[in-house]
PDB file of all heavy atoms in Angstrom:
ATOM      1  N   ALA A   1       2.315  14.307  -2.514  1.00  0.00           N
ATOM      2  CA  ALA A   1       1.976  13.060  -1.829  1.00  0.00           C
ATOM      3  C   ALA A   1       2.210  13.218  -0.330  1.00  0.00           C
ATOM      4  O   ALA A   1       3.300  13.625   0.093  1.00  0.00           O
ATOM      5  CB  ALA A   1       2.820  11.914  -2.373  1.00  0.00           C
ATOM      6  N   PRO A   2       1.224  12.905   0.508  1.00  0.00           N
ATOM      7  CA  PRO A   2       1.434  12.968   1.956  1.00  0.00           C
ATOM      8  C   PRO A   2       2.590  12.059   2.362  1.00  0.00           C
ATOM      9  O   PRO A   2       2.807  10.995   1.772  1.00  0.00           O
ATOM     10  CB  PRO A   2       0.101  12.459   2.528  1.00  0.00           C
ATOM     11  CG  PRO A   2      -0.898  12.717   1.441  1.00  0.00           C
ATOM     12  CD  PRO A   2      -0.155  12.515   0.163  1.00  0.00           C
ATOM     13  N   SER A   3       3.327  12.464   3.371  1.00  0.00           N
ATOM     14  CA  SER A   3       4.550  11.759   3.742  1.00  0.00           C
ATOM     15  C   SER A   3       4.296  10.308   4.141  1.00  0.00           C
ATOM     16  O   SER A   3       5.049   9.402   3.768  1.00  0.00           O
ATOM     17  CB  SER A   3       5.259  12.497   4.879  1.00  0.00           C
ATOM     18  OG  SER A   3       4.392  12.652   5.995  1.00  0.00           O
ATOM     19  N   GLY A   4       3.232  10.060   4.908  1.00  0.00           N
ATOM     20  CA  GLY A   4       2.933   8.695   5.321  1.00  0.00           C
ATOM     21  C   GLY A   4       2.607   7.801   4.149  1.00  0.00           C
ATOM     22  O   GLY A   4       3.009   6.626   4.107  1.00  0.00           O
ATOM     23  N   TYR A   5       1.889   8.346   3.194  1.00  0.00           N
ATOM     24  CA  TYR A   5       1.520   7.602   1.988  1.00  0.00           C
ATOM     25  C   TYR A   5       2.767   7.219   1.196  1.00  0.00           C
ATOM     26  O   TYR A   5       2.917   6.066   0.767  1.00  0.00           O
ATOM     27  CB  TYR A   5       0.586   8.478   1.155  1.00  0.00           C
ATOM     28  CG  TYR A   5       0.220   7.940  -0.204  1.00  0.00           C
ATOM     29  CD1 TYR A   5      -0.654   6.869  -0.336  1.00  0.00           C
ATOM     30  CD2 TYR A   5       0.724   8.530  -1.358  1.00  0.00           C
ATOM     31  CE1 TYR A   5      -1.012   6.392  -1.589  1.00  0.00           C
ATOM     32  CE2 TYR A   5       0.369   8.063  -2.613  1.00  0.00           C
ATOM     33  CZ  TYR A   5      -0.498   6.992  -2.724  1.00  0.00           C
ATOM     34  OH  TYR A   5      -0.842   6.519  -3.973  1.00  0.00           O
ATOM     35  N   ALA A   6       3.673   8.163   1.007  1.00  0.00           N
ATOM     36  CA  ALA A   6       4.901   7.892   0.253  1.00  0.00           C
ATOM     37  C   ALA A   6       5.790   6.887   0.981  1.00  0.00           C
ATOM     38  O   ALA A   6       6.335   5.960   0.365  1.00  0.00           O
ATOM     39  CB  ALA A   6       5.658   9.198   0.003  1.00  0.00           C
ATOM     40  N   ILE A   7       5.915   7.049   2.299  1.00  0.00           N
ATOM     41  CA  ILE A   7       6.747   6.128   3.078  1.00  0.00           C
ATOM     42  C   ILE A   7       6.169   4.719   3.056  1.00  0.00           C
ATOM     43  O   ILE A   7       6.901   3.729   2.958  1.00  0.00           O
ATOM     44  CB  ILE A   7       6.887   6.637   4.528  1.00  0.00           C
ATOM     45  CG1 ILE A   7       7.699   7.932   4.562  1.00  0.00           C
ATOM     46  CG2 ILE A   7       7.522   5.579   5.418  1.00  0.00           C
ATOM     47  CD1 ILE A   7       7.697   8.628   5.904  1.00  0.00           C
ATOM     48  N   PHE A   8       4.861   4.627   3.123  1.00  0.00           N
ATOM     49  CA  PHE A   8       4.197   3.322   3.104  1.00  0.00           C
ATOM     50  C   PHE A   8       4.555   2.558   1.826  1.00  0.00           C
ATOM     51  O   PHE A   8       4.978   1.393   1.881  1.00  0.00           O
ATOM     52  CB  PHE A   8       2.692   3.516   3.202  1.00  0.00           C
ATOM     53  CG  PHE A   8       1.891   2.235   3.146  1.00  0.00           C
ATOM     54  CD1 PHE A   8       1.719   1.463   4.281  1.00  0.00           C
ATOM     55  CD2 PHE A   8       1.326   1.813   1.953  1.00  0.00           C
ATOM     56  CE1 PHE A   8       0.983   0.280   4.232  1.00  0.00           C
ATOM     57  CE2 PHE A   8       0.597   0.639   1.898  1.00  0.00           C
ATOM     58  CZ  PHE A   8       0.422  -0.126   3.034  1.00  0.00           C
ATOM     59  N   TYR A   9       4.385   3.195   0.684  1.00  0.00           N
ATOM     60  CA  TYR A   9       4.690   2.522  -0.582  1.00  0.00           C
ATOM     61  C   TYR A   9       6.190   2.248  -0.709  1.00  0.00           C
ATOM     62  O   TYR A   9       6.596   1.195  -1.192  1.00  0.00           O
ATOM     63  CB  TYR A   9       4.213   3.369  -1.761  1.00  0.00           C
ATOM     64  CG  TYR A   9       2.788   3.087  -2.182  1.00  0.00           C
ATOM     65  CD1 TYR A   9       1.719   3.786  -1.627  1.00  0.00           C
ATOM     66  CD2 TYR A   9       2.507   2.126  -3.141  1.00  0.00           C
ATOM     67  CE1 TYR A   9       0.411   3.540  -2.012  1.00  0.00           C
ATOM     68  CE2 TYR A   9       1.199   1.870  -3.539  1.00  0.00           C
ATOM     69  CZ  TYR A   9       0.152   2.577  -2.978  1.00  0.00           C
ATOM     70  OH  TYR A   9      -1.136   2.320  -3.363  1.00  0.00           O
ATOM     71  N   ARG A  10       6.986   3.204  -0.271  1.00  0.00           N
ATOM     72  CA  ARG A  10       8.436   3.038  -0.401  1.00  0.00           C
ATOM     73  C   ARG A  10       8.926   1.853   0.429  1.00  0.00           C
ATOM     74  O   ARG A  10       9.863   1.144   0.021  1.00  0.00           O
ATOM     75  CB  ARG A  10       9.150   4.310   0.025  1.00  0.00           C
ATOM     76  CG  ARG A  10      10.654   4.259  -0.208  1.00  0.00           C
ATOM     77  CD  ARG A  10      11.294   5.618  -0.158  1.00  0.00           C
ATOM     78  NE  ARG A  10      12.620   5.603  -0.751  1.00  0.00           N
ATOM     79  CZ  ARG A  10      13.291   6.693  -1.085  1.00  0.00           C
ATOM     80  NH1 ARG A  10      12.738   7.884  -0.906  1.00  0.00           N
ATOM     81  NH2 ARG A  10      14.488   6.593  -1.616  1.00  0.00           N
ATOM     82  N   SER A  11       8.325   1.615   1.571  1.00  0.00           N
ATOM     83  CA  SER A  11       8.758   0.514   2.419  1.00  0.00           C
ATOM     84  C   SER A  11       8.581  -0.832   1.722  1.00  0.00           C
ATOM     85  O   SER A  11       9.355  -1.774   1.964  1.00  0.00           O
ATOM     86  CB  SER A  11       7.983   0.529   3.738  1.00  0.00           C
ATOM     87  OG  SER A  11       6.597   0.297   3.524  1.00  0.00           O
ATOM     88  N   PHE A  12       7.600  -0.938   0.847  1.00  0.00           N
ATOM     89  CA  PHE A  12       7.393  -2.191   0.124  1.00  0.00           C
ATOM     90  C   PHE A  12       8.355  -2.328  -1.050  1.00  0.00           C
ATOM     91  O   PHE A  12       8.701  -3.448  -1.437  1.00  0.00           O
ATOM     92  CB  PHE A  12       5.948  -2.282  -0.367  1.00  0.00           C
ATOM     93  CG  PHE A  12       4.963  -2.625   0.714  1.00  0.00           C
ATOM     94  CD1 PHE A  12       4.350  -1.621   1.448  1.00  0.00           C
ATOM     95  CD2 PHE A  12       4.667  -3.945   1.022  1.00  0.00           C
ATOM     96  CE1 PHE A  12       3.444  -1.924   2.454  1.00  0.00           C
ATOM     97  CE2 PHE A  12       3.771  -4.264   2.021  1.00  0.00           C
ATOM     98  CZ  PHE A  12       3.159  -3.247   2.753  1.00  0.00           C
ATOM     99  N   THR A  13       8.785  -1.199  -1.616  1.00  0.00           N
ATOM    100  CA  THR A  13       9.745  -1.294  -2.725  1.00  0.00           C
ATOM    101  C   THR A  13      11.109  -1.773  -2.238  1.00  0.00           C
ATOM    102  O   THR A  13      11.910  -2.259  -3.038  1.00  0.00           O
ATOM    103  CB  THR A  13       9.901   0.062  -3.434  1.00  0.00           C
ATOM    104  OG1 THR A  13      10.439   1.036  -2.515  1.00  0.00           O
ATOM    105  CG2 THR A  13       8.567   0.556  -3.971  1.00  0.00           C
ATOM    106  N   ILE A  14      11.379  -1.640  -0.954  1.00  0.00           N
ATOM    107  CA  ILE A  14      12.652  -2.118  -0.398  1.00  0.00           C
ATOM    108  C   ILE A  14      12.811  -3.614  -0.640  1.00  0.00           C
ATOM    109  O   ILE A  14      13.919  -4.109  -0.874  1.00  0.00           O
ATOM    110  CB  ILE A  14      12.741  -1.788   1.104  1.00  0.00           C
ATOM    111  CG1 ILE A  14      12.796  -0.267   1.304  1.00  0.00           C
ATOM    112  CG2 ILE A  14      13.956  -2.453   1.737  1.00  0.00           C
ATOM    113  CD1 ILE A  14      12.738   0.167   2.756  1.00  0.00           C
ATOM    114  N   VAL A  15      11.688  -4.336  -0.613  1.00  0.00           N
ATOM    115  CA  VAL A  15      11.740  -5.786  -0.863  1.00  0.00           C
ATOM    116  C   VAL A  15      11.320  -6.113  -2.298  1.00  0.00           C
ATOM    117  O   VAL A  15      10.996  -7.254  -2.617  1.00  0.00           O
ATOM    118  CB  VAL A  15      10.858  -6.550   0.143  1.00  0.00           C
ATOM    119  CG1 VAL A  15      11.442  -6.441   1.535  1.00  0.00           C
ATOM    120  CG2 VAL A  15       9.420  -6.040   0.117  1.00  0.00           C
ATOM    121  N   GLY A  16      11.323  -5.080  -3.156  1.00  0.00           N
ATOM    122  CA  GLY A  16      11.101  -5.298  -4.580  1.00  0.00           C
ATOM    123  C   GLY A  16       9.663  -5.367  -5.033  1.00  0.00           C
ATOM    124  O   GLY A  16       9.387  -5.802  -6.158  1.00  0.00           O
ATOM    125  N   ILE A  17       8.710  -4.937  -4.193  1.00  0.00           N
ATOM    126  CA  ILE A  17       7.299  -4.984  -4.573  1.00  0.00           C
ATOM    127  C   ILE A  17       6.960  -3.764  -5.421  1.00  0.00           C
ATOM    128  O   ILE A  17       7.190  -2.625  -5.019  1.00  0.00           O
ATOM    129  CB  ILE A  17       6.394  -5.049  -3.339  1.00  0.00           C
ATOM    130  CG1 ILE A  17       6.626  -6.374  -2.596  1.00  0.00           C
ATOM    131  CG2 ILE A  17       4.924  -4.910  -3.717  1.00  0.00           C
ATOM    132  CD1 ILE A  17       5.820  -6.528  -1.336  1.00  0.00           C
ATOM    133  N   ASP A  18       6.389  -3.997  -6.583  1.00  0.00           N
ATOM    134  CA  ASP A  18       6.022  -2.932  -7.518  1.00  0.00           C
ATOM    135  C   ASP A  18       4.864  -2.116  -6.930  1.00  0.00           C
ATOM    136  O   ASP A  18       3.837  -2.690  -6.535  1.00  0.00           O
ATOM    137  CB  ASP A  18       5.611  -3.558  -8.853  1.00  0.00           C
ATOM    138  CG  ASP A  18       5.211  -2.518  -9.891  1.00  0.00           C
ATOM    139  OD1 ASP A  18       5.438  -1.314  -9.661  1.00  0.00           O
ATOM    140  OD2 ASP A  18       4.669  -2.910 -10.940  1.00  0.00           O
ATOM    141  N   PRO A  19       4.977  -0.796  -6.857  1.00  0.00           N
ATOM    142  CA  PRO A  19       3.887   0.029  -6.321  1.00  0.00           C
ATOM    143  C   PRO A  19       2.557  -0.168  -7.047  1.00  0.00           C
ATOM    144  O   PRO A  19       1.496  -0.127  -6.418  1.00  0.00           O
ATOM    145  CB  PRO A  19       4.412   1.463  -6.500  1.00  0.00           C
ATOM    146  CG  PRO A  19       5.892   1.321  -6.489  1.00  0.00           C
ATOM    147  CD  PRO A  19       6.179   0.013  -7.155  1.00  0.00           C
ATOM    148  N   LEU A  20       2.610  -0.380  -8.362  1.00  0.00           N
ATOM    149  CA  LEU A  20       1.372  -0.586  -9.108  1.00  0.00           C
ATOM    150  C   LEU A  20       0.700  -1.892  -8.683  1.00  0.00           C
ATOM    151  O   LEU A  20      -0.524  -1.938  -8.512  1.00  0.00           O
ATOM    152  CB  LEU A  20       1.653  -0.598 -10.613  1.00  0.00           C
ATOM    153  CG  LEU A  20       0.419  -0.729 -11.515  1.00  0.00           C
ATOM    154  CD1 LEU A  20      -0.533   0.428 -11.283  1.00  0.00           C
ATOM    155  CD2 LEU A  20       0.824  -0.799 -12.980  1.00  0.00           C
ATOM    156  N   TRP A  21       1.487  -2.945  -8.492  1.00  0.00           N
ATOM    157  CA  TRP A  21       0.938  -4.219  -8.017  1.00  0.00           C
ATOM    158  C   TRP A  21       0.344  -4.043  -6.623  1.00  0.00           C
ATOM    159  O   TRP A  21      -0.757  -4.529  -6.340  1.00  0.00           O
ATOM    160  CB  TRP A  21       2.047  -5.273  -7.990  1.00  0.00           C
ATOM    161  CG  TRP A  21       1.581  -6.639  -7.569  1.00  0.00           C
ATOM    162  CD1 TRP A  21       1.084  -7.627  -8.360  1.00  0.00           C
ATOM    163  CD2 TRP A  21       1.554  -7.149  -6.214  1.00  0.00           C
ATOM    164  NE1 TRP A  21       0.753  -8.731  -7.590  1.00  0.00           N
ATOM    165  CE2 TRP A  21       1.033  -8.472  -6.276  1.00  0.00           C
ATOM    166  CE3 TRP A  21       1.927  -6.634  -4.977  1.00  0.00           C
ATOM    167  CZ2 TRP A  21       0.869  -9.267  -5.146  1.00  0.00           C
ATOM    168  CZ3 TRP A  21       1.758  -7.426  -3.848  1.00  0.00           C
ATOM    169  CH2 TRP A  21       1.239  -8.719  -3.939  1.00  0.00           C
ATOM    170  N   LEU A  22       1.042  -3.332  -5.767  1.00  0.00           N
ATOM    171  CA  LEU A  22       0.564  -3.108  -4.406  1.00  0.00           C
ATOM    172  C   LEU A  22      -0.753  -2.334  -4.409  1.00  0.00           C
ATOM    173  O   LEU A  22      -1.657  -2.617  -3.617  1.00  0.00           O
ATOM    174  CB  LEU A  22       1.621  -2.349  -3.607  1.00  0.00           C
ATOM    175  CG  LEU A  22       1.291  -2.036  -2.144  1.00  0.00           C
ATOM    176  CD1 LEU A  22       1.047  -3.316  -1.351  1.00  0.00           C
ATOM    177  CD2 LEU A  22       2.410  -1.216  -1.513  1.00  0.00           C
ATOM    178  N   SER A  23      -0.871  -1.363  -5.326  1.00  0.00           N
ATOM    179  CA  SER A  23      -2.098  -0.553  -5.396  1.00  0.00           C
ATOM    180  C   SER A  23      -3.313  -1.382  -5.774  1.00  0.00           C
ATOM    181  O   SER A  23      -4.449  -0.986  -5.496  1.00  0.00           O
ATOM    182  CB  SER A  23      -1.911   0.597  -6.394  1.00  0.00           C
ATOM    183  OG  SER A  23      -1.907   0.128  -7.735  1.00  0.00           O
ATOM    184  N   LYS A  24      -3.100  -2.518  -6.404  1.00  0.00           N
ATOM    185  CA  LYS A  24      -4.215  -3.396  -6.770  1.00  0.00           C
ATOM    186  C   LYS A  24      -4.626  -4.303  -5.610  1.00  0.00           C
ATOM    187  O   LYS A  24      -5.782  -4.716  -5.517  1.00  0.00           O
ATOM    188  CB  LYS A  24      -3.831  -4.246  -7.986  1.00  0.00           C
ATOM    189  CG  LYS A  24      -3.547  -3.434  -9.241  1.00  0.00           C
ATOM    190  CD  LYS A  24      -3.084  -4.325 -10.376  1.00  0.00           C
ATOM    191  CE  LYS A  24      -2.746  -3.504 -11.621  1.00  0.00           C
ATOM    192  NZ  LYS A  24      -2.303  -4.356 -12.754  1.00  0.00           N
ATOM    193  N   ILE A  25      -3.685  -4.615  -4.734  1.00  0.00           N
ATOM    194  CA  ILE A  25      -3.952  -5.482  -3.596  1.00  0.00           C
ATOM    195  C   ILE A  25      -4.565  -4.704  -2.428  1.00  0.00           C
ATOM    196  O   ILE A  25      -5.419  -5.204  -1.696  1.00  0.00           O
ATOM    197  CB  ILE A  25      -2.646  -6.166  -3.128  1.00  0.00           C
ATOM    198  CG1 ILE A  25      -2.076  -7.050  -4.242  1.00  0.00           C
ATOM    199  CG2 ILE A  25      -2.872  -6.978  -1.863  1.00  0.00           C
ATOM    200  CD1 ILE A  25      -2.945  -8.233  -4.585  1.00  0.00           C
ATOM    201  N   LEU A  26      -4.140  -3.467  -2.259  1.00  0.00           N
ATOM    202  CA  LEU A  26      -4.525  -2.680  -1.082  1.00  0.00           C
ATOM    203  C   LEU A  26      -6.030  -2.512  -0.881  1.00  0.00           C
ATOM    204  O   LEU A  26      -6.493  -2.560   0.268  1.00  0.00           O
ATOM    205  CB  LEU A  26      -3.867  -1.298  -1.150  1.00  0.00           C
ATOM    206  CG  LEU A  26      -2.442  -1.205  -0.596  1.00  0.00           C
ATOM    207  CD1 LEU A  26      -1.880   0.193  -0.814  1.00  0.00           C
ATOM    208  CD2 LEU A  26      -2.408  -1.556   0.888  1.00  0.00           C
ATOM    209  N   PRO A  27      -6.842  -2.293  -1.940  1.00  0.00           N
ATOM    210  CA  PRO A  27      -8.277  -2.092  -1.689  1.00  0.00           C
ATOM    211  C   PRO A  27      -8.930  -3.226  -0.904  1.00  0.00           C
ATOM    212  O   PRO A  27      -9.788  -2.977  -0.055  1.00  0.00           O
ATOM    213  CB  PRO A  27      -8.860  -1.977  -3.107  1.00  0.00           C
ATOM    214  CG  PRO A  27      -7.741  -1.403  -3.917  1.00  0.00           C
ATOM    215  CD  PRO A  27      -6.502  -2.039  -3.355  1.00  0.00           C
ATOM    216  N   LEU A  28      -8.528  -4.460  -1.154  1.00  0.00           N
ATOM    217  CA  LEU A  28      -9.077  -5.596  -0.403  1.00  0.00           C
ATOM    218  C   LEU A  28      -8.713  -5.480   1.074  1.00  0.00           C
ATOM    219  O   LEU A  28      -9.580  -5.635   1.953  1.00  0.00           O
ATOM    220  CB  LEU A  28      -8.542  -6.903  -0.985  1.00  0.00           C
ATOM    221  CG  LEU A  28      -8.837  -8.185  -0.170  1.00  0.00           C
ATOM    222  CD1 LEU A  28     -10.336  -8.409  -0.054  1.00  0.00           C
ATOM    223  CD2 LEU A  28      -8.152  -9.385  -0.800  1.00  0.00           C
ATOM    224  N   ILE A  29      -7.462  -5.175   1.356  1.00  0.00           N
ATOM    225  CA  ILE A  29      -6.999  -5.077   2.743  1.00  0.00           C
ATOM    226  C   ILE A  29      -7.645  -3.884   3.446  1.00  0.00           C
ATOM    227  O   ILE A  29      -8.142  -3.993   4.575  1.00  0.00           O
ATOM    228  CB  ILE A  29      -5.465  -4.965   2.781  1.00  0.00           C
ATOM    229  CG1 ILE A  29      -4.824  -6.201   2.143  1.00  0.00           C
ATOM    230  CG2 ILE A  29      -4.969  -4.777   4.206  1.00  0.00           C
ATOM    231  CD1 ILE A  29      -3.339  -6.089   1.928  1.00  0.00           C
ATOM    232  N   LEU A  30      -7.653  -2.746   2.772  1.00  0.00           N
ATOM    233  CA  LEU A  30      -8.263  -1.550   3.369  1.00  0.00           C
ATOM    234  C   LEU A  30      -9.756  -1.745   3.570  1.00  0.00           C
ATOM    235  O   LEU A  30     -10.338  -1.226   4.533  1.00  0.00           O
ATOM    236  CB  LEU A  30      -7.994  -0.337   2.472  1.00  0.00           C
ATOM    237  CG  LEU A  30      -6.524   0.086   2.333  1.00  0.00           C
ATOM    238  CD1 LEU A  30      -6.403   1.251   1.348  1.00  0.00           C
ATOM    239  CD2 LEU A  30      -5.931   0.466   3.676  1.00  0.00           C
ATOM    240  N   GLY A  31     -10.389  -2.483   2.667  1.00  0.00           N
ATOM    241  CA  GLY A  31     -11.815  -2.759   2.798  1.00  0.00           C
ATOM    242  C   GLY A  31     -12.120  -3.597   4.028  1.00  0.00           C
ATOM    243  O   GLY A  31     -13.110  -3.351   4.738  1.00  0.00           O
ATOM    244  N   LEU A  32     -11.278  -4.575   4.313  1.00  0.00           N
ATOM    245  CA  LEU A  32     -11.479  -5.404   5.501  1.00  0.00           C
ATOM    246  C   LEU A  32     -11.269  -4.599   6.779  1.00  0.00           C
ATOM    247  O   LEU A  32     -12.018  -4.756   7.761  1.00  0.00           O
ATOM    248  CB  LEU A  32     -10.522  -6.603   5.463  1.00  0.00           C
ATOM    249  CG  LEU A  32     -10.808  -7.647   4.373  1.00  0.00           C
ATOM    250  CD1 LEU A  32      -9.680  -8.659   4.294  1.00  0.00           C
ATOM    251  CD2 LEU A  32     -12.139  -8.356   4.639  1.00  0.00           C
ATOM    252  N   LEU A  33     -10.256  -3.731   6.779  1.00  0.00           N
ATOM    253  CA  LEU A  33     -10.027  -2.877   7.948  1.00  0.00           C
ATOM    254  C   LEU A  33     -11.186  -1.904   8.148  1.00  0.00           C
ATOM    255  O   LEU A  33     -11.647  -1.687   9.288  1.00  0.00           O
ATOM    256  CB  LEU A  33      -8.716  -2.099   7.769  1.00  0.00           C
ATOM    257  CG  LEU A  33      -7.424  -2.903   7.891  1.00  0.00           C
ATOM    258  CD1 LEU A  33      -6.225  -2.045   7.498  1.00  0.00           C
ATOM    259  CD2 LEU A  33      -7.249  -3.437   9.308  1.00  0.00           C
ATOM    260  N   THR A  34     -11.657  -1.331   7.064  1.00  0.00           N
ATOM    261  CA  THR A  34     -12.800  -0.408   7.134  1.00  0.00           C
ATOM    262  C   THR A  34     -14.023  -1.112   7.697  1.00  0.00           C
ATOM    263  O   THR A  34     -14.739  -0.570   8.549  1.00  0.00           O
ATOM    264  CB  THR A  34     -13.106   0.152   5.731  1.00  0.00           C
ATOM    265  OG1 THR A  34     -11.991   0.904   5.267  1.00  0.00           O
ATOM    266  CG2 THR A  34     -14.341   1.044   5.755  1.00  0.00           C
ATOM    267  N   THR A  35     -14.266  -2.321   7.223  1.00  0.00           N
ATOM    268  CA  THR A  35     -15.405  -3.105   7.701  1.00  0.00           C
ATOM    269  C   THR A  35     -15.300  -3.377   9.192  1.00  0.00           C
ATOM    270  O   THR A  35     -16.282  -3.246   9.938  1.00  0.00           O
ATOM    271  CB  THR A  35     -15.479  -4.434   6.933  1.00  0.00           C
ATOM    272  OG1 THR A  35     -15.621  -4.167   5.539  1.00  0.00           O
ATOM    273  CG2 THR A  35     -16.644  -5.283   7.408  1.00  0.00           C
ATOM    274  N   SER A  36     -14.123  -3.724   9.654  1.00  0.00           N
ATOM    275  CA  SER A  36     -13.925  -4.033  11.078  1.00  0.00           C
ATOM    276  C   SER A  36     -14.232  -2.826  11.949  1.00  0.00           C
ATOM    277  O   SER A  36     -14.955  -2.934  12.959  1.00  0.00           O
ATOM    278  CB  SER A  36     -12.479  -4.500  11.306  1.00  0.00           C
ATOM    279  OG  SER A  36     -12.181  -5.643  10.544  1.00  0.00           O
TER     280      SER A  36
END
């Protein structure tokens, strides 16, 4: 796993966010950034 990718997910687990749940939300956010 690239270091930035692992750190990104780990930063959300600090506040108790499940990585699997986050992986379902991210495509919407990344899609909006890509579009912009």
